[in-house]
Protein backbone atom coordinates (compact mmCIF):
# COMPACT_ATOMS: atom_id res chain seq x y z
CA MET A 1 0.00 0.00 0.00
CA ALA A 2 1.13 3.53 -0.77
CA VAL A 3 -0.14 6.93 0.34
CA ALA A 4 0.76 10.33 -1.11
CA PRO A 5 -0.77 13.83 -1.16
CA HIS A 6 -1.29 13.55 -4.92
CA HIS A 7 -3.03 10.50 -6.38
CA LEU A 8 -0.66 10.20 -9.35
CA ALA A 9 2.32 9.79 -7.03
CA ALA A 10 0.48 7.12 -5.06
CA SER A 11 -0.38 5.38 -8.35
CA ALA A 12 3.27 5.45 -9.45
CA ALA A 13 4.29 3.72 -6.23
CA ARG A 14 1.44 1.19 -6.48
CA ASP A 15 2.47 0.23 -10.02
CA VAL A 16 6.05 -0.44 -8.89
CA LEU A 17 4.76 -2.64 -6.06
CA ALA A 18 2.53 -4.49 -8.54
CA GLU A 19 5.60 -5.26 -10.67
CA GLY A 20 7.33 -6.84 -7.69
CA GLY A 21 9.26 -3.80 -6.58
CA ASN A 22 9.96 -3.22 -2.92
CA ALA A 23 8.98 -0.29 -0.72
CA ALA A 24 12.18 1.67 -1.38
CA GLU A 25 11.81 1.30 -5.15
CA ALA A 26 8.16 2.33 -4.95
CA MET A 27 9.05 5.40 -2.93
CA ILE A 28 11.68 6.53 -5.45
CA ALA A 29 9.01 6.38 -8.15
CA ALA A 30 6.61 8.33 -5.94
CA ALA A 31 9.27 10.90 -5.03
CA ALA A 32 10.04 11.64 -8.67
CA ALA A 33 6.36 11.69 -9.61
CA ILE A 34 5.31 14.06 -6.83
CA ALA A 35 7.97 16.54 -7.96
CA ALA A 36 6.34 16.62 -11.39
CA VAL A 37 2.70 16.78 -10.28
CA TYR A 38 2.97 18.93 -7.11
CA PRO A 39 5.77 21.34 -8.10
CA HIS A 40 4.66 24.14 -5.78
CA MET A 41 5.28 21.88 -2.78
CA ASN A 42 8.48 20.07 -3.78
CA HIS A 43 10.84 19.64 -6.72
CA LEU A 44 14.13 18.19 -7.93
CA GLY A 45 16.02 21.09 -6.37
CA GLY A 46 14.93 20.35 -2.81
CA ASP A 47 15.92 18.14 0.12
CA GLY A 48 14.60 14.84 1.45
CA PHE A 49 14.63 12.59 4.52
CA TRP A 50 13.91 8.86 4.65
CA ILE A 51 13.20 6.24 7.27
CA LEU A 52 13.51 2.76 5.78
CA SER A 53 12.90 -0.51 7.57
CA ARG A 54 12.51 -4.20 7.00
CA PRO A 55 11.37 -6.84 9.49
CA GLY A 56 13.87 -7.94 12.09
CA GLU A 57 16.29 -5.08 11.45
CA THR A 58 16.87 -1.68 13.01
CA PRO A 59 15.38 1.09 10.86
CA VAL A 60 17.80 3.31 8.97
CA GLY A 61 17.53 6.95 7.99
CA ILE A 62 18.77 8.77 4.92
CA GLU A 63 19.76 12.38 5.45
CA ALA A 64 19.58 14.04 2.03
CA CYS A 65 19.89 17.70 2.98
CA GLY A 66 22.58 19.87 1.48
CA PRO A 67 24.85 22.28 3.34
CA ALA A 68 25.41 25.96 2.73
CA ALA A 69 27.70 26.80 -0.19
CA ALA A 70 31.38 27.39 0.44
CA ALA A 71 30.87 31.00 -0.66
CA ALA A 72 27.80 31.55 1.56
CA THR A 73 29.49 33.61 4.25
CA LEU A 74 28.23 36.49 6.34
CA ASP A 75 30.59 38.73 4.37
CA PHE A 76 29.09 37.50 1.08
CA TYR A 77 25.65 38.68 2.18
CA ARG A 78 26.96 41.94 3.60
CA GLU A 79 28.64 42.63 0.25
CA HIS A 80 25.21 42.20 -1.35
CA GLY A 81 23.63 44.65 1.11
CA VAL A 82 21.99 41.93 3.22
CA THR A 83 22.53 42.25 6.98
CA GLN A 84 19.25 41.30 8.69
CA THR A 85 17.64 38.28 7.04
CA ILE A 86 18.40 36.31 3.89
CA PRO A 87 15.98 37.24 1.06
CA PRO A 88 13.35 34.51 0.63
CA ARG A 89 13.35 34.49 -3.18
CA GLY A 90 15.91 34.69 -5.94
CA GLY A 91 19.58 33.80 -6.18
CA LEU A 92 20.54 34.86 -2.66
CA ALA A 93 17.87 32.48 -1.29
CA ALA A 94 19.30 29.47 -3.14
CA LEU A 95 22.36 28.94 -0.97
CA THR A 96 22.20 25.25 0.02
CA VAL A 97 22.95 22.19 -2.09
CA PRO A 98 19.73 20.38 -3.13
CA GLY A 99 20.05 16.94 -1.56
CA ALA A 100 16.92 15.04 -2.64
CA ILE A 101 18.37 13.44 -5.79
CA SER A 102 21.38 12.12 -3.88
CA GLY A 103 18.90 10.67 -1.40
CA TRP A 104 17.13 8.83 -4.21
CA ASP A 105 20.51 7.44 -5.25
CA LEU A 106 21.26 6.14 -1.78
CA ALA A 107 17.73 4.77 -1.39
CA HIS A 108 18.15 2.91 -4.69
CA ARG A 109 21.23 1.20 -3.25
CA VAL A 110 19.20 0.22 -0.18
CA ALA A 111 16.46 -1.06 -2.49
CA GLN A 112 18.99 -3.23 -4.34
CA ALA A 113 20.33 -4.57 -1.03
CA TRP A 114 16.74 -5.58 -0.31
CA GLY A 115 16.74 -7.58 -3.55
CA GLY A 116 15.29 -4.91 -5.82
CA LYS A 117 15.68 -5.50 -9.53
CA LEU A 118 13.92 -2.57 -11.21
CA PRO A 119 16.22 -0.23 -13.13
CA LEU A 120 16.36 3.42 -12.21
CA SER A 121 14.96 4.38 -15.62
CA ARG A 122 11.78 2.44 -14.81
CA LEU A 123 11.40 4.20 -11.45
CA LEU A 124 11.72 7.66 -13.02
CA GLU A 125 9.55 6.86 -16.03
CA PRO A 126 6.16 7.92 -14.56
CA ALA A 127 7.57 11.29 -13.46
CA ALA A 128 9.08 11.95 -16.89
CA PHE A 129 5.75 11.11 -18.52
CA PHE A 130 3.79 13.40 -16.20
CA ALA A 131 6.26 16.23 -16.81
CA ARG A 132 6.26 15.87 -20.59
CA ASP A 133 2.61 15.03 -21.23
CA GLY A 134 1.36 17.44 -18.60
CA VAL A 135 -0.81 17.20 -15.52
CA ALA A 136 -3.86 19.06 -14.30
CA VAL A 137 -2.92 21.98 -12.07
CA SER A 138 -4.22 21.45 -8.54
CA GLU A 139 -6.38 23.94 -6.73
CA SER A 140 -3.60 24.72 -4.27
CA GLN A 141 -1.08 25.30 -7.06
CA GLU A 142 -3.38 27.82 -8.75
CA ARG A 143 -4.06 29.60 -5.49
CA LEU A 144 -0.43 29.78 -4.38
CA THR A 145 0.80 30.85 -7.82
CA ARG A 146 -1.71 33.69 -7.70
CA GLU A 147 -0.97 34.66 -4.08
CA LYS A 148 2.83 34.59 -4.46
CA PHE A 149 3.03 35.88 -8.03
CA ASP A 150 4.29 39.37 -7.23
CA GLU A 151 7.28 38.06 -5.28
CA LEU A 152 8.09 35.36 -7.87
CA LYS A 153 7.38 36.94 -11.26
CA ASP A 154 10.85 38.46 -11.66
CA VAL A 155 12.83 35.45 -10.43
CA PRO A 156 14.70 33.76 -13.31
CA GLY A 157 12.79 30.92 -14.93
CA PHE A 158 9.63 31.09 -12.83
CA VAL A 159 7.21 32.66 -15.31
CA SER A 160 8.31 30.52 -18.27
CA THR A 161 7.96 27.33 -16.21
CA PHE A 162 4.85 27.76 -14.10
CA LEU A 163 2.58 30.02 -16.12
CA VAL A 164 0.44 28.72 -18.98
CA ASP A 165 0.09 31.01 -22.00
CA GLY A 166 1.54 33.78 -19.89
CA GLN A 167 -1.18 33.52 -17.25
CA VAL A 168 -1.52 31.98 -13.81
CA PRO A 169 -2.83 28.51 -14.66
CA GLN A 170 -6.36 27.77 -13.55
CA HIS A 171 -7.26 24.70 -11.55
CA GLY A 172 -7.45 21.86 -14.08
CA ALA A 173 -5.27 23.50 -16.74
CA ARG A 174 -2.54 21.30 -18.22
CA LEU A 175 0.98 22.15 -17.05
CA ARG A 176 3.85 20.68 -19.05
CA GLN A 177 7.48 20.69 -17.86
CA SER A 178 9.39 19.36 -20.86
CA ALA A 179 12.85 20.41 -19.61
CA MET A 180 12.20 18.56 -16.36
CA ALA A 181 11.17 15.49 -18.37
CA ASP A 182 14.47 15.63 -20.30
CA THR A 183 16.38 15.83 -17.01
CA LEU A 184 14.55 12.85 -15.52
CA GLU A 185 15.10 10.76 -18.63
CA ARG A 186 18.81 11.60 -18.65
CA LEU A 187 19.17 10.75 -14.95
CA GLY A 188 17.47 7.42 -15.62
CA ARG A 189 19.99 6.68 -18.39
CA VAL A 190 23.30 7.90 -16.94
CA GLY A 191 22.65 7.84 -13.20
CA LEU A 192 21.61 10.24 -10.50
CA ARG A 193 25.15 11.52 -9.78
CA ASP A 194 24.95 13.40 -13.09
CA PHE A 195 22.84 15.90 -11.17
CA TYR A 196 25.93 16.75 -9.10
CA GLU A 197 28.99 15.82 -11.15
CA GLY A 198 27.96 15.56 -14.80
CA GLU A 199 26.37 17.58 -17.55
CA ILE A 200 23.26 18.41 -15.58
CA GLY A 201 25.35 19.56 -12.62
CA ALA A 202 27.40 21.86 -14.85
CA VAL A 203 24.26 23.45 -16.28
CA LEU A 204 22.74 23.88 -12.81
CA ALA A 205 25.89 25.54 -11.51
CA ASP A 206 25.99 27.94 -14.46
CA ASP A 207 22.32 28.88 -14.12
CA LEU A 208 22.71 29.41 -10.37
CA LYS A 209 25.70 31.69 -10.91
CA LYS A 210 23.74 33.78 -13.42
CA ALA A 211 20.92 34.13 -10.86
CA GLY A 212 23.32 35.38 -8.18
CA SER A 213 23.47 32.24 -6.05
CA PRO A 214 26.66 31.45 -4.11
CA LEU A 215 26.36 27.75 -5.04
CA SER A 216 29.04 26.37 -7.36
CA MET A 217 29.85 23.17 -9.24
CA SER A 218 32.29 22.17 -6.50
CA ASP A 219 29.49 22.48 -3.91
CA LEU A 220 27.31 20.15 -5.96
CA ALA A 221 30.07 17.63 -6.73
CA GLY A 222 31.15 17.45 -3.09
CA PHE A 223 27.75 16.43 -1.75
CA ASN A 224 26.50 12.94 -0.91
CA ALA A 225 23.48 11.90 1.10
CA ARG A 226 24.31 9.72 4.07
CA ILE A 227 22.89 6.92 6.19
CA VAL A 228 22.04 7.99 9.75
CA ALA A 229 20.49 6.28 12.75
CA PRO A 230 16.95 7.46 13.48
CA LEU A 231 16.07 8.62 16.98
CA SER A 232 13.47 6.63 18.86
CA THR A 233 11.22 6.88 21.90
CA LYS A 234 9.49 4.06 23.78
CA LEU A 235 5.83 4.76 24.49
CA SER A 236 3.30 2.68 26.40
CA CYS A 237 2.06 1.33 23.03
CA GLY A 238 5.35 0.71 21.21
CA THR A 239 8.38 2.46 19.79
CA ILE A 240 8.25 5.52 17.54
CA TYR A 241 11.05 6.61 15.22
CA ASN A 242 11.98 9.90 13.64
CA MET A 243 14.96 11.69 12.12
CA PRO A 244 17.78 13.24 14.16
CA PRO A 245 18.95 16.87 13.82
CA PRO A 246 19.18 19.00 11.79
CA THR A 247 15.48 18.05 11.58
CA GLN A 248 12.85 18.72 14.23
CA GLY A 249 12.21 14.96 14.53
CA VAL A 250 13.30 15.12 18.17
CA ALA A 251 10.38 17.49 18.82
CA SER A 252 7.89 15.10 17.20
CA LEU A 253 9.15 12.30 19.44
CA ALA A 254 9.07 14.54 22.50
CA ILE A 255 5.46 15.63 22.00
CA LEU A 256 4.21 12.05 22.04
CA GLY A 257 6.68 11.07 24.76
CA VAL A 258 5.46 13.85 27.04
CA PHE A 259 1.79 13.31 26.22
CA ASP A 260 2.07 9.57 26.89
CA ARG A 261 3.16 10.43 30.43
CA LEU A 262 0.19 12.73 31.14
CA GLY A 263 -2.20 9.84 31.72
CA VAL A 264 -4.98 11.01 29.38
CA LYS A 265 -7.54 8.21 29.10
CA GLN A 266 -9.94 9.39 26.42
CA GLY A 267 -9.55 10.97 23.01
CA GLU A 268 -11.14 14.08 21.48
CA GLY A 269 -11.93 15.80 24.77
CA PHE A 270 -10.26 18.78 26.44
CA ASP A 271 -7.55 16.68 28.11
CA HIS A 272 -6.53 15.17 24.76
CA VAL A 273 -6.30 18.43 22.82
CA HIS A 274 -4.96 20.58 25.67
CA GLY A 275 -2.47 17.87 26.65
CA LEU A 276 -1.04 17.68 23.14
CA ILE A 277 -0.85 21.46 22.81
CA GLU A 278 1.00 21.81 26.11
CA SER A 279 3.28 18.91 25.19
CA THR A 280 4.02 20.76 21.96
CA LYS A 281 5.09 23.87 23.88
CA GLN A 282 7.50 21.83 25.98
CA ALA A 283 8.93 20.10 22.91
CA PHE A 284 9.32 23.29 20.87
CA ARG A 285 11.14 25.10 23.68
CA MET A 286 13.55 22.19 23.93
CA ARG A 287 13.98 22.11 20.15
CA ASP A 288 14.61 25.83 19.77
CA ALA A 289 17.23 25.87 22.50
CA ASN A 290 19.20 22.95 21.10
CA VAL A 291 18.55 21.80 17.54
CA CYS A 292 20.73 22.81 14.62
CA ASP A 293 23.34 21.06 12.47
CA PRO A 294 24.43 18.26 14.83
CA ALA A 295 28.08 19.17 14.24
CA TYR A 296 27.36 22.44 16.07
CA MET A 297 25.12 21.10 18.86
CA ALA A 298 26.28 21.23 22.46
CA CYS A 299 24.62 17.93 23.39
CA GLU A 300 23.83 14.53 21.96
CA PRO A 301 20.33 14.63 20.38
CA ALA A 302 19.22 11.44 22.19
CA SER A 303 19.91 13.15 25.54
CA LEU A 304 17.02 15.51 24.85
CA ILE A 305 14.42 12.73 24.95
CA THR A 306 15.61 10.42 27.71
CA ASP A 307 12.98 9.06 30.08
CA ALA A 308 14.14 11.56 32.70
CA GLU A 309 13.83 14.50 30.32
CA LEU A 310 10.39 13.44 29.11
CA GLU A 311 9.25 13.02 32.72
CA ARG A 312 10.62 16.47 33.54
CA MET A 313 8.78 18.09 30.62
CA ALA A 314 5.57 16.24 31.51
CA GLY A 315 5.89 17.59 35.04
CA GLU A 316 5.91 21.12 33.64
CA VAL A 317 2.51 20.66 31.98
CA ASP A 318 -0.48 22.16 33.79
CA MET A 319 -3.51 20.12 32.70
CA ALA A 320 -5.86 22.97 33.63
CA ARG A 321 -4.11 26.07 32.27
CA ALA A 322 -2.33 27.07 29.07
CA ALA A 323 1.35 27.90 29.47
CA PRO A 324 2.53 31.27 28.15
CA TRP A 325 3.21 31.53 24.45
CA PRO A 326 4.22 32.68 21.70
CA HIS A 327 7.52 31.65 20.22
CA VAL A 328 9.18 32.26 16.85
CA ALA A 329 7.46 29.84 14.49
CA ARG A 330 8.91 28.22 11.37
CA GLN A 331 6.99 27.74 8.14
CA GLY A 332 7.55 25.44 5.20
CA ASP A 333 5.96 23.62 2.28
CA THR A 334 6.55 19.93 1.89
CA ILE A 335 5.11 16.57 0.93
CA TRP A 336 5.12 13.35 2.99
CA MET A 337 4.54 9.88 1.52
CA GLY A 338 4.52 6.34 2.90
CA VAL A 339 4.81 2.82 1.47
CA ILE A 340 4.68 -0.65 3.00
CA ASP A 341 5.24 -3.67 0.76
CA ALA A 342 4.08 -7.30 0.98
CA GLU A 343 7.21 -8.35 2.88
CA GLY A 344 6.70 -5.71 5.57
CA ARG A 345 9.44 -3.42 4.30
CA SER A 346 8.55 0.24 4.66
CA ALA A 347 9.52 3.73 3.59
CA SER A 348 8.50 6.96 5.27
CA TYR A 349 9.68 9.89 3.20
CA ILE A 350 9.46 13.66 3.15
CA GLN A 351 10.60 15.95 0.32
CA SER A 352 10.59 19.72 0.29
CA ILE A 353 11.68 23.00 -1.27
CA TYR A 354 10.83 24.84 2.00
CA TRP A 355 8.46 27.68 1.03
CA GLU A 356 5.91 27.33 -1.75
CA PHE A 357 7.95 27.34 -4.98
CA GLY A 358 11.16 27.56 -2.91
CA ALA A 359 13.58 30.24 -4.09
CA GLY A 360 11.54 30.52 -7.29
CA ILE A 361 14.62 30.03 -9.49
CA VAL A 362 14.20 27.53 -12.31
CA SER A 363 17.16 26.35 -14.37
CA SER A 364 15.44 26.78 -17.71
CA SER A 365 17.33 24.09 -19.63
CA THR A 366 16.92 21.46 -16.90
CA GLY A 367 13.54 22.43 -15.45
CA VAL A 368 14.92 22.21 -11.88
CA LEU A 369 13.28 24.48 -9.29
CA PHE A 370 15.57 25.34 -6.37
CA GLN A 371 14.70 25.38 -2.69
CA ASN A 372 15.14 28.31 -0.31
CA ARG A 373 15.86 26.18 2.77
CA GLY A 374 18.94 28.28 3.51
CA ILE A 375 16.83 31.26 4.56
CA SER A 376 16.36 29.52 7.92
CA PHE A 377 19.96 30.48 8.69
CA ALA A 378 20.47 33.55 10.86
CA LEU A 379 22.87 36.34 9.85
CA ASP A 380 23.70 36.84 13.54
CA GLU A 381 26.92 34.92 14.20
CA LYS A 382 25.83 34.31 17.84
CA HIS A 383 22.58 32.57 16.83
CA ILE A 384 22.34 28.78 17.21
CA ASN A 385 21.54 28.55 13.48
CA ALA A 386 24.05 31.18 12.34
CA LEU A 387 25.07 30.91 8.69
CA LYS A 388 28.44 29.24 8.04
CA PRO A 389 29.81 27.68 4.84
CA GLY A 390 29.25 23.93 4.85
CA LYS A 391 26.71 24.10 7.69
CA LYS A 392 23.33 22.41 7.36
CA PRO A 393 20.24 24.53 8.04
CA PHE A 394 17.55 23.64 10.54
CA HIS A 395 14.84 21.48 8.93
CA THR A 396 11.17 21.20 9.78
CA LEU A 397 11.11 17.94 7.77
CA ASN A 398 10.61 14.76 9.78
CA PRO A 399 9.13 11.48 8.49
CA ALA A 400 7.80 9.14 11.17
CA MET A 401 7.51 5.40 11.71
CA ALA A 402 6.27 3.21 14.56
CA ARG A 403 6.61 -0.43 15.58
CA LEU A 404 3.71 -1.07 17.91
CA ASP A 405 3.53 -3.61 20.72
CA ASP A 406 0.51 -5.27 19.08
CA GLY A 407 2.72 -6.18 16.11
CA ARG A 408 1.59 -3.45 13.72
CA LEU A 409 3.97 -1.41 11.59
CA MET A 410 2.98 2.20 10.89
CA VAL A 411 4.43 4.91 8.66
CA TYR A 412 2.92 8.37 9.01
CA GLY A 413 3.63 12.03 8.42
CA THR A 414 2.51 15.32 6.93
CA MET A 415 3.64 18.58 5.36
CA GLY A 416 3.27 21.89 7.13
CA GLY A 417 6.35 23.38 8.80
CA GLU A 418 5.62 23.85 12.51
CA GLY A 419 2.46 21.82 12.04
CA GLN A 420 4.29 18.60 11.18
CA PRO A 421 4.98 17.44 14.77
CA GLN A 422 1.55 18.58 15.90
CA THR A 423 -0.33 16.78 13.15
CA GLN A 424 1.75 13.65 13.61
CA ALA A 425 0.80 13.67 17.29
CA ALA A 426 -2.89 14.22 16.54
CA VAL A 427 -3.09 11.38 14.01
CA PHE A 428 -0.99 8.95 16.04
CA SER A 429 -2.77 9.60 19.33
CA ARG A 430 -6.22 9.34 17.78
CA HIS A 431 -5.51 6.10 15.98
CA VAL A 432 -3.03 4.27 18.20
CA LEU A 433 -3.70 5.55 21.72
CA PHE A 434 -7.46 6.01 21.46
CA GLY A 435 -8.43 3.47 18.79
CA ARG A 436 -10.03 5.73 16.23
CA ASP A 437 -10.31 4.48 12.63
CA LEU A 438 -7.23 5.53 10.64
CA GLY A 439 -9.21 7.46 8.04
CA GLU A 440 -11.13 9.30 10.75
CA ALA A 441 -7.91 10.02 12.64
CA VAL A 442 -6.49 11.74 9.56
CA ALA A 443 -9.66 13.56 8.50
CA ALA A 444 -10.91 14.69 11.93
CA PRO A 445 -10.72 18.39 12.90
CA ARG A 446 -7.22 19.51 13.81
CA TRP A 447 -5.45 22.37 15.51
CA LEU A 448 -2.17 24.17 15.04
CA LEU A 449 -0.17 26.19 17.54
CA GLY A 450 1.73 29.01 15.88
CA ARG A 451 2.46 29.75 12.26
CA THR A 452 2.61 27.36 9.34
CA TRP A 453 2.64 27.73 5.57
CA GLY A 454 0.15 30.35 4.38
CA ALA A 455 -0.46 31.77 7.87
CA GLN A 456 1.50 34.41 9.79
CA SER A 457 -0.35 34.70 13.12
CA ILE A 458 0.85 32.79 16.17
CA THR A 459 -2.52 31.95 17.68
CA LEU A 460 -3.88 28.49 18.41
CA LYS A 461 -5.71 27.83 15.13
CA ILE A 462 -8.57 25.34 15.40
CA GLU A 463 -10.72 24.02 12.58
CA SER A 464 -14.27 25.23 13.09
CA ASP A 465 -15.82 21.76 13.23
CA LEU A 466 -13.90 20.72 16.35
CA ASP A 467 -16.32 20.12 19.21
CA ALA A 468 -17.62 23.51 20.39
CA GLY A 469 -17.51 22.46 24.03
CA VAL A 470 -13.82 21.59 23.77
CA VAL A 471 -13.12 24.91 22.05
CA ALA A 472 -14.87 26.76 24.90
CA GLN A 473 -12.81 24.85 27.48
CA LEU A 474 -9.59 25.69 25.64
CA LYS A 475 -10.47 29.38 25.64
CA ALA A 476 -11.33 29.24 29.34
CA ALA A 477 -7.96 27.61 30.04
CA GLY A 478 -6.17 30.59 28.52
CA HIS A 479 -5.48 29.50 24.94
CA ASP A 480 -5.55 32.29 22.33
CA VAL A 481 -7.95 30.52 19.96
CA GLU A 482 -8.54 31.46 16.32
CA LEU A 483 -11.17 29.46 14.45
CA VAL A 484 -10.38 28.65 10.81
CA ALA A 485 -12.30 26.87 8.07
CA SER A 486 -12.76 23.13 8.40
CA ARG A 487 -10.48 20.76 6.44
CA ASN A 488 -8.09 23.63 5.99
CA ASP A 489 -4.86 22.76 4.19
CA MET A 490 -2.87 24.98 6.56
CA MET A 491 -3.28 21.99 8.89
CA GLY A 492 -1.07 19.90 6.63
CA HIS A 493 -1.55 17.03 4.21
CA ALA A 494 -1.35 14.01 6.49
CA GLY A 495 -1.31 10.34 5.65
CA ALA A 496 -0.53 6.95 7.13
CA VAL A 497 -0.21 3.26 6.26
CA THR A 498 -0.30 0.37 8.72
CA LEU A 499 0.39 -3.34 8.34
CA SER A 500 -1.01 -5.78 10.90
CA PRO A 501 0.59 -9.14 11.81
CA ASP A 502 -2.23 -10.92 9.96
CA GLY A 503 -1.24 -9.15 6.70
CA ARG A 504 -4.03 -6.57 6.73
CA PHE A 505 -3.16 -3.15 5.32
CA GLU A 506 -4.85 0.11 6.25
CA GLY A 507 -4.13 3.44 4.64
CA ALA A 508 -5.50 6.96 4.77
CA SER A 509 -4.86 10.12 2.78
CA ASP A 510 -5.85 13.57 3.96
CA PRO A 511 -9.02 15.08 2.43
CA ARG A 512 -7.18 18.40 2.75
CA SER A 513 -4.86 17.28 -0.08
CA ASP A 514 -5.18 15.88 -3.62
CA GLY A 515 -3.94 12.50 -2.48
CA ASP A 516 -4.91 8.89 -2.18
CA ALA A 517 -4.04 5.71 -0.33
CA ILE A 518 -3.80 2.86 -2.84
CA GLY A 519 -3.25 -0.84 -2.20
CA PHE A 520 -3.71 -4.01 -4.18
């Protein structure tokens, strides 16, 4: 079974599974396809993070996030008149190496170690077809193109790539990306390292230089994704896994670790929602004080979520009153996808260009859209995430996986910047801790503390169809509540797949997205 926030990506993964491919092979096909069909949310010029597992073995992570360019110094930005914050669009925003393609390469090696036989060209074929033949523009792509047009229209390559007949494409219009199709077909023929070391890499470096980016060919050629050990936390129901820094995976683990210690017995009531919100505050404070490129951290990431630390944070939660807020929130646009195959091998994957349309720069001859992940760096050299050449930026991206005590395997996740840990906690707690149907757990009204993509306020946003009595209790407890429309995509595009010991699959895709959960 496969789940993705766009049905064509889920179909691409399903077809690979039907041909005998394994979960890692299916996810590569989905990752390429989603870049072609959901280009406002992710693309070839972004980053990615994987958690891969097979029965009887410790899960492994793939960290496919690129560092800052060698030339991306504080002096470089000062020389360009930038002293406060890195511009969010254009060449100065594209300052980190796009790591996603290298992650596909490493995942393909894992897939082959699992016995995979499908050639890379087959895995990239659906994406190349979608890019060349065209796909129907989604409602969110039309809306975000229109909303962000003024800040993107002058960025090199954007208008020629993402407008149709010179206009913002309407929902349902056909968008073709022929240069992207050529790139995918070439990568399938000559290998994914061509993106970094070959002809494609040379073209990318040249186009980036023309756009004013500090990235160079040597930055691209020097990058390789790497295998890392996921972090884990033992809950009363099983063990949950997530990615280590520079991602906020430690916060996602902490939210559920703290909440599990609060003793909440029933879902959907005040204690459930309030408990998760207050657990989120504890986790985010811990994250913001500690998490950055692990090479620059003052502590071991696992030390932040020991039993003692989780107990301490749980002890700070007042189950009757809201703790003071706000804090500086982080936004981001992303996709999450999950696959479990017939042998119980799984892939939980997240791929992103950070903001909608990333830096906005498109290499016209390759069709590659570049991320703006590097804007999360601070230009204050005393800041925990201060910009330095070769340093990795903080990432909101964090795919999740769980091995439950009842024998079930679960992959789950969402897009949505700050909302990712919160939505993960809502879906997991509803389904696993309180027994709600998986589809209902994903679709049910959600909440979001702070800012996420498309929203700047730092209130507690609650979908309007959440129980009115619970909303009233939250307000009375001191939460700064803002009601928003139901099934609002600011709440993320969540999804999950589970496999039971008896071989039964369950999957759910978020009605807030254009996705599907497909099995056979």
